[in-house]
Amino acid sequence: MMEELKVQIKYESSQAAKLSKEASIAFENNQRSEGKTLMKEAVAASKKCQELIKQFNELNLTIK
């Protein structure tokens, strides 16, 4: 379970960073609509990552 959470956390973190970078590029290219969509997806991935980290920490506390 712990390893599964670690993998999911890494994935969501990577997705958030990638989408945020793509959004920044879209904004730089005056593609505001695409940039907004990508940034919303980045925020969603970031929130998912935070939830997974919380689960990981709670699970870690119950194991110790």
PDB file of N, CA and C in Angstrom:
ATOM      1  N   MET A   1       0.826  -1.202   0.000  1.00  0.00           N
ATOM      2  CA  MET A   1       0.000   0.000   0.000  1.00  0.00           C
ATOM      3  C   MET A   1       0.869   1.265   0.000  1.00  0.00           C
ATOM      4  N   MET A   2       1.903   1.256   0.808  1.00  0.00           N
ATOM      5  CA  MET A   2       2.774   2.432   0.890  1.00  0.00           C
ATOM      6  C   MET A   2       3.470   2.692  -0.450  1.00  0.00           C
ATOM      7  N   GLU A   3       3.979   1.629  -1.061  1.00  0.00           N
ATOM      8  CA  GLU A   3       4.667   1.790  -2.352  1.00  0.00           C
ATOM      9  C   GLU A   3       3.710   2.286  -3.426  1.00  0.00           C
ATOM     10  N   GLU A   4       2.482   1.773  -3.392  1.00  0.00           N
ATOM     11  CA  GLU A   4       1.458   2.202  -4.342  1.00  0.00           C
ATOM     12  C   GLU A   4       1.211   3.710  -4.206  1.00  0.00           C
ATOM     13  N   LEU A   5       1.085   4.169  -2.967  1.00  0.00           N
ATOM     14  CA  LEU A   5       0.869   5.598  -2.726  1.00  0.00           C
ATOM     15  C   LEU A   5       2.056   6.425  -3.197  1.00  0.00           C
ATOM     16  N   LYS A   6       3.261   5.928  -2.956  1.00  0.00           N
ATOM     17  CA  LYS A   6       4.465   6.646  -3.403  1.00  0.00           C
ATOM     18  C   LYS A   6       4.467   6.818  -4.921  1.00  0.00           C
ATOM     19  N   VAL A   7       4.102   5.761  -5.628  1.00  0.00           N
ATOM     20  CA  VAL A   7       4.060   5.808  -7.095  1.00  0.00           C
ATOM     21  C   VAL A   7       3.002   6.808  -7.557  1.00  0.00           C
ATOM     22  N   GLN A   8       1.829   6.776  -6.934  1.00  0.00           N
ATOM     23  CA  GLN A   8       0.754   7.694  -7.298  1.00  0.00           C
ATOM     24  C   GLN A   8       1.154   9.147  -7.016  1.00  0.00           C
ATOM     25  N   ILE A   9       1.816   9.368  -5.887  1.00  0.00           N
ATOM     26  CA  ILE A   9       2.260  10.718  -5.523  1.00  0.00           C
ATOM     27  C   ILE A   9       3.246  11.240  -6.554  1.00  0.00           C
ATOM     28  N   LYS A  10       4.205  10.407  -6.929  1.00  0.00           N
ATOM     29  CA  LYS A  10       5.186  10.822  -7.937  1.00  0.00           C
ATOM     30  C   LYS A  10       4.512  11.143  -9.260  1.00  0.00           C
ATOM     31  N   TYR A  11       3.538  10.313  -9.646  1.00  0.00           N
ATOM     32  CA  TYR A  11       2.842  10.524 -10.910  1.00  0.00           C
ATOM     33  C   TYR A  11       2.064  11.841 -10.893  1.00  0.00           C
ATOM     34  N   GLU A  12       1.265  12.058  -9.863  1.00  0.00           N
ATOM     35  CA  GLU A  12       0.449  13.277  -9.789  1.00  0.00           C
ATOM     36  C   GLU A  12       1.323  14.523  -9.698  1.00  0.00           C
ATOM     37  N   SER A  13       2.414  14.424  -8.975  1.00  0.00           N
ATOM     38  CA  SER A  13       3.347  15.549  -8.865  1.00  0.00           C
ATOM     39  C   SER A  13       3.947  15.883 -10.228  1.00  0.00           C
ATOM     40  N   SER A  14       4.328  14.847 -10.944  1.00  0.00           N
ATOM     41  CA  SER A  14       4.893  15.014 -12.279  1.00  0.00           C
ATOM     42  C   SER A  14       3.864  15.621 -13.230  1.00  0.00           C
ATOM     43  N   GLN A  15       2.630  15.131 -13.145  1.00  0.00           N
ATOM     44  CA  GLN A  15       1.562  15.657 -13.997  1.00  0.00           C
ATOM     45  C   GLN A  15       1.310  17.138 -13.705  1.00  0.00           C
ATOM     46  N   ALA A  16       1.260  17.491 -12.435  1.00  0.00           N
ATOM     47  CA  ALA A  16       1.007  18.880 -12.049  1.00  0.00           C
ATOM     48  C   ALA A  16       2.093  19.791 -12.609  1.00  0.00           C
ATOM     49  N   ALA A  17       3.338  19.368 -12.489  1.00  0.00           N
ATOM     50  CA  ALA A  17       4.459  20.176 -12.996  1.00  0.00           C
ATOM     51  C   ALA A  17       4.407  20.295 -14.518  1.00  0.00           C
ATOM     52  N   LYS A  18       4.149  19.185 -15.176  1.00  0.00           N
ATOM     53  CA  LYS A  18       4.093  19.171 -16.651  1.00  0.00           C
ATOM     54  C   LYS A  18       2.960  20.061 -17.161  1.00  0.00           C
ATOM     55  N   LEU A  19       1.787  19.917 -16.572  1.00  0.00           N
ATOM     56  CA  LEU A  19       0.634  20.703 -17.011  1.00  0.00           C
ATOM     57  C   LEU A  19       0.833  22.189 -16.724  1.00  0.00           C
ATOM     58  N   SER A  20       1.439  22.491 -15.600  1.00  0.00           N
ATOM     59  CA  SER A  20       1.704  23.886 -15.254  1.00  0.00           C
ATOM     60  C   SER A  20       2.671  24.520 -16.251  1.00  0.00           C
ATOM     61  N   LYS A  21       3.687  23.762 -16.625  1.00  0.00           N
ATOM     62  CA  LYS A  21       4.650  24.255 -17.609  1.00  0.00           C
ATOM     63  C   LYS A  21       3.974  24.475 -18.962  1.00  0.00           C
ATOM     64  N   GLU A  22       3.137  23.522 -19.359  1.00  0.00           N
ATOM     65  CA  GLU A  22       2.417  23.659 -20.625  1.00  0.00           C
ATOM     66  C   GLU A  22       1.470  24.863 -20.592  1.00  0.00           C
ATOM     67  N   ALA A  23       0.841  25.095 -19.441  1.00  0.00           N
ATOM     68  CA  ALA A  23      -0.058  26.242 -19.298  1.00  0.00           C
ATOM     69  C   ALA A  23       0.720  27.546 -19.438  1.00  0.00           C
ATOM     70  N   SER A  24       1.879  27.606 -18.814  1.00  0.00           N
ATOM     71  CA  SER A  24       2.719  28.813 -18.907  1.00  0.00           C
ATOM     72  C   SER A  24       3.108  29.100 -20.351  1.00  0.00           C
ATOM     73  N   ILE A  25       3.462  28.053 -21.070  1.00  0.00           N
ATOM     74  CA  ILE A  25       3.830  28.213 -22.478  1.00  0.00           C
ATOM     75  C   ILE A  25       2.630  28.702 -23.279  1.00  0.00           C
ATOM     76  N   ALA A  26       1.455  28.136 -23.000  1.00  0.00           N
ATOM     77  CA  ALA A  26       0.240  28.557 -23.712  1.00  0.00           C
ATOM     78  C   ALA A  26      -0.048  30.037 -23.441  1.00  0.00           C
ATOM     79  N   PHE A  27       0.094  30.463 -22.177  1.00  0.00           N
ATOM     80  CA  PHE A  27      -0.137  31.872 -21.845  1.00  0.00           C
ATOM     81  C   PHE A  27       0.870  32.774 -22.568  1.00  0.00           C
ATOM     82  N   GLU A  28       2.129  32.339 -22.619  1.00  0.00           N
ATOM     83  CA  GLU A  28       3.162  33.114 -23.312  1.00  0.00           C
ATOM     84  C   GLU A  28       2.823  33.273 -24.801  1.00  0.00           C
ATOM     85  N   ASN A  29       2.159  32.268 -25.352  1.00  0.00           N
ATOM     86  CA  ASN A  29       1.784  32.291 -26.770  1.00  0.00           C
ATOM     87  C   ASN A  29       0.389  32.878 -26.987  1.00  0.00           C
ATOM     88  N   ASN A  30      -0.111  33.566 -25.972  1.00  0.00           N
ATOM     89  CA  ASN A  30      -1.436  34.198 -26.024  1.00  0.00           C
ATOM     90  C   ASN A  30      -2.567  33.216 -26.312  1.00  0.00           C
ATOM     91  N   GLN A  31      -2.395  31.996 -25.857  1.00  0.00           N
ATOM     92  CA  GLN A  31      -3.453  30.988 -25.980  1.00  0.00           C
ATOM     93  C   GLN A  31      -4.130  30.867 -24.610  1.00  0.00           C
ATOM     94  N   ARG A  32      -4.878  31.915 -24.264  1.00  0.00           N
ATOM     95  CA  ARG A  32      -5.431  32.034 -22.919  1.00  0.00           C
ATOM     96  C   ARG A  32      -6.390  30.898 -22.564  1.00  0.00           C
ATOM     97  N   SER A  33      -7.253  30.525 -23.488  1.00  0.00           N
ATOM     98  CA  SER A  33      -8.237  29.483 -23.205  1.00  0.00           C
ATOM     99  C   SER A  33      -7.541  28.149 -22.908  1.00  0.00           C
ATOM    100  N   GLU A  34      -6.584  27.800 -23.754  1.00  0.00           N
ATOM    101  CA  GLU A  34      -5.829  26.562 -23.537  1.00  0.00           C
ATOM    102  C   GLU A  34      -5.034  26.634 -22.245  1.00  0.00           C
ATOM    103  N   GLY A  35      -4.441  27.799 -21.980  1.00  0.00           N
ATOM    104  CA  GLY A  35      -3.666  27.987 -20.760  1.00  0.00           C
ATOM    105  C   GLY A  35      -4.518  27.808 -19.514  1.00  0.00           C
ATOM    106  N   LYS A  36      -5.729  28.370 -19.544  1.00  0.00           N
ATOM    107  CA  LYS A  36      -6.630  28.242 -18.398  1.00  0.00           C
ATOM    108  C   LYS A  36      -7.022  26.788 -18.174  1.00  0.00           C
ATOM    109  N   THR A  37      -7.316  26.087 -19.259  1.00  0.00           N
ATOM    110  CA  THR A  37      -7.698  24.675 -19.156  1.00  0.00           C
ATOM    111  C   THR A  37      -6.552  23.847 -18.577  1.00  0.00           C
ATOM    112  N   LEU A  38      -5.356  24.068 -19.100  1.00  0.00           N
ATOM    113  CA  LEU A  38      -4.186  23.330 -18.610  1.00  0.00           C
ATOM    114  C   LEU A  38      -3.897  23.655 -17.142  1.00  0.00           C
ATOM    115  N   MET A  39      -4.063  24.919 -16.764  1.00  0.00           N
ATOM    116  CA  MET A  39      -3.791  25.302 -15.385  1.00  0.00           C
ATOM    117  C   MET A  39      -4.818  24.672 -14.441  1.00  0.00           C
ATOM    118  N   LYS A  40      -6.076  24.581 -14.868  1.00  0.00           N
ATOM    119  CA  LYS A  40      -7.089  23.915 -14.044  1.00  0.00           C
ATOM    120  C   LYS A  40      -6.724  22.449 -13.836  1.00  0.00           C
ATOM    121  N   GLU A  41      -6.238  21.818 -14.898  1.00  0.00           N
ATOM    122  CA  GLU A  41      -5.821  20.412 -14.797  1.00  0.00           C
ATOM    123  C   GLU A  41      -4.606  20.282 -13.871  1.00  0.00           C
ATOM    124  N   ALA A  42      -3.695  21.250 -13.944  1.00  0.00           N
ATOM    125  CA  ALA A  42      -2.513  21.232 -13.073  1.00  0.00           C
ATOM    126  C   ALA A  42      -2.928  21.370 -11.613  1.00  0.00           C
ATOM    127  N   VAL A  43      -3.863  22.254 -11.347  1.00  0.00           N
ATOM    128  CA  VAL A  43      -4.352  22.450  -9.979  1.00  0.00           C
ATOM    129  C   VAL A  43      -5.027  21.178  -9.470  1.00  0.00           C
ATOM    130  N   ALA A  44      -5.824  20.535 -10.317  1.00  0.00           N
ATOM    131  CA  ALA A  44      -6.494  19.291  -9.935  1.00  0.00           C
ATOM    132  C   ALA A  44      -5.468  18.201  -9.601  1.00  0.00           C
ATOM    133  N   ALA A  45      -4.427  18.086 -10.417  1.00  0.00           N
ATOM    134  CA  ALA A  45      -3.374  17.097 -10.168  1.00  0.00           C
ATOM    135  C   ALA A  45      -2.640  17.414  -8.872  1.00  0.00           C
ATOM    136  N   SER A  46      -2.414  18.689  -8.626  1.00  0.00           N
ATOM    137  CA  SER A  46      -1.739  19.117  -7.400  1.00  0.00           C
ATOM    138  C   SER A  46      -2.580  18.780  -6.165  1.00  0.00           C
ATOM    139  N   LYS A  47      -3.872  19.033  -6.242  1.00  0.00           N
ATOM    140  CA  LYS A  47      -4.768  18.715  -5.124  1.00  0.00           C
ATOM    141  C   LYS A  47      -4.810  17.214  -4.877  1.00  0.00           C
ATOM    142  N   LYS A  48      -4.850  16.445  -5.966  1.00  0.00           N
ATOM    143  CA  LYS A  48      -4.842  14.985  -5.839  1.00  0.00           C
ATOM    144  C   LYS A  48      -3.555  14.525  -5.168  1.00  0.00           C
ATOM    145  N   CYS A  49      -2.446  15.138  -5.549  1.00  0.00           N
ATOM    146  CA  CYS A  49      -1.151  14.825  -4.957  1.00  0.00           C
ATOM    147  C   CYS A  49      -1.169  15.126  -3.455  1.00  0.00           C
ATOM    148  N   GLN A  50      -1.716  16.263  -3.082  1.00  0.00           N
ATOM    149  CA  GLN A  50      -1.793  16.633  -1.667  1.00  0.00           C
ATOM    150  C   GLN A  50      -2.650  15.646  -0.877  1.00  0.00           C
ATOM    151  N   GLU A  51      -3.761  15.199  -1.473  1.00  0.00           N
ATOM    152  CA  GLU A  51      -4.613  14.206  -0.819  1.00  0.00           C
ATOM    153  C   GLU A  51      -3.861  12.894  -0.612  1.00  0.00           C
ATOM    154  N   LEU A  52      -3.113  12.490  -1.625  1.00  0.00           N
ATOM    155  CA  LEU A  52      -2.341  11.250  -1.533  1.00  0.00           C
ATOM    156  C   LEU A  52      -1.252  11.351  -0.471  1.00  0.00           C
ATOM    157  N   ILE A  53      -0.613  12.509  -0.386  1.00  0.00           N
ATOM    158  CA  ILE A  53       0.419  12.714   0.636  1.00  0.00           C
ATOM    159  C   ILE A  53      -0.207  12.633   2.021  1.00  0.00           C
ATOM    160  N   LYS A  54      -1.384  13.223   2.171  1.00  0.00           N
ATOM    161  CA  LYS A  54      -2.097  13.158   3.458  1.00  0.00           C
ATOM    162  C   LYS A  54      -2.397  11.707   3.816  1.00  0.00           C
ATOM    163  N   GLN A  55      -2.907  10.932   2.848  1.00  0.00           N
ATOM    164  CA  GLN A  55      -3.180   9.511   3.079  1.00  0.00           C
ATOM    165  C   GLN A  55      -1.908   8.770   3.472  1.00  0.00           C
ATOM    166  N   PHE A  56      -0.826   9.062   2.752  1.00  0.00           N
ATOM    167  CA  PHE A  56       0.450   8.417   3.017  1.00  0.00           C
ATOM    168  C   PHE A  56       0.900   8.695   4.450  1.00  0.00           C
ATOM    169  N   ASN A  57       0.824   9.968   4.852  1.00  0.00           N
ATOM    170  CA  ASN A  57       1.254  10.349   6.200  1.00  0.00           C
ATOM    171  C   ASN A  57       0.378   9.710   7.275  1.00  0.00           C
ATOM    172  N   GLU A  58      -0.935   9.657   7.042  1.00  0.00           N
ATOM    173  CA  GLU A  58      -1.836   9.039   8.010  1.00  0.00           C
ATOM    174  C   GLU A  58      -1.558   7.539   8.135  1.00  0.00           C
ATOM    175  N   LEU A  59      -1.330   6.901   6.999  1.00  0.00           N
ATOM    176  CA  LEU A  59      -1.024   5.476   6.987  1.00  0.00           C
ATOM    177  C   LEU A  59       0.312   5.219   7.692  1.00  0.00           C
ATOM    178  N   ASN A  60       1.263   6.094   7.440  1.00  0.00           N
ATOM    179  CA  ASN A  60       2.576   5.976   8.046  1.00  0.00           C
ATOM    180  C   ASN A  60       2.498   6.082   9.568  1.00  0.00           C
ATOM    181  N   LEU A  61       1.632   6.963  10.061  1.00  0.00           N
ATOM    182  CA  LEU A  61       1.468   7.133  11.505  1.00  0.00           C
ATOM    183  C   LEU A  61       0.835   5.910  12.138  1.00  0.00           C
ATOM    184  N   THR A  62      -0.103   5.262  11.445  1.00  0.00           N
ATOM    185  CA  THR A  62      -0.766   4.089  12.020  1.00  0.00           C
ATOM    186  C   THR A  62       0.155   2.879  12.049  1.00  0.00           C
ATOM    187  N   ILE A  63       1.122   2.854  11.143  1.00  0.00           N
ATOM    188  CA  ILE A  63       2.063   1.732  11.077  1.00  0.00           C
ATOM    189  C   ILE A  63       3.099   1.823  12.197  1.00  0.00           C
ATOM    190  N   LYS A  64       3.517   3.046  12.526  1.00  0.00           N
ATOM    191  CA  LYS A  64       4.579   3.216  13.538  1.00  0.00           C
ATOM    192  C   LYS A  64       4.132   2.897  14.931  1.00  0.00           C
TER     193      LYS A  64
END
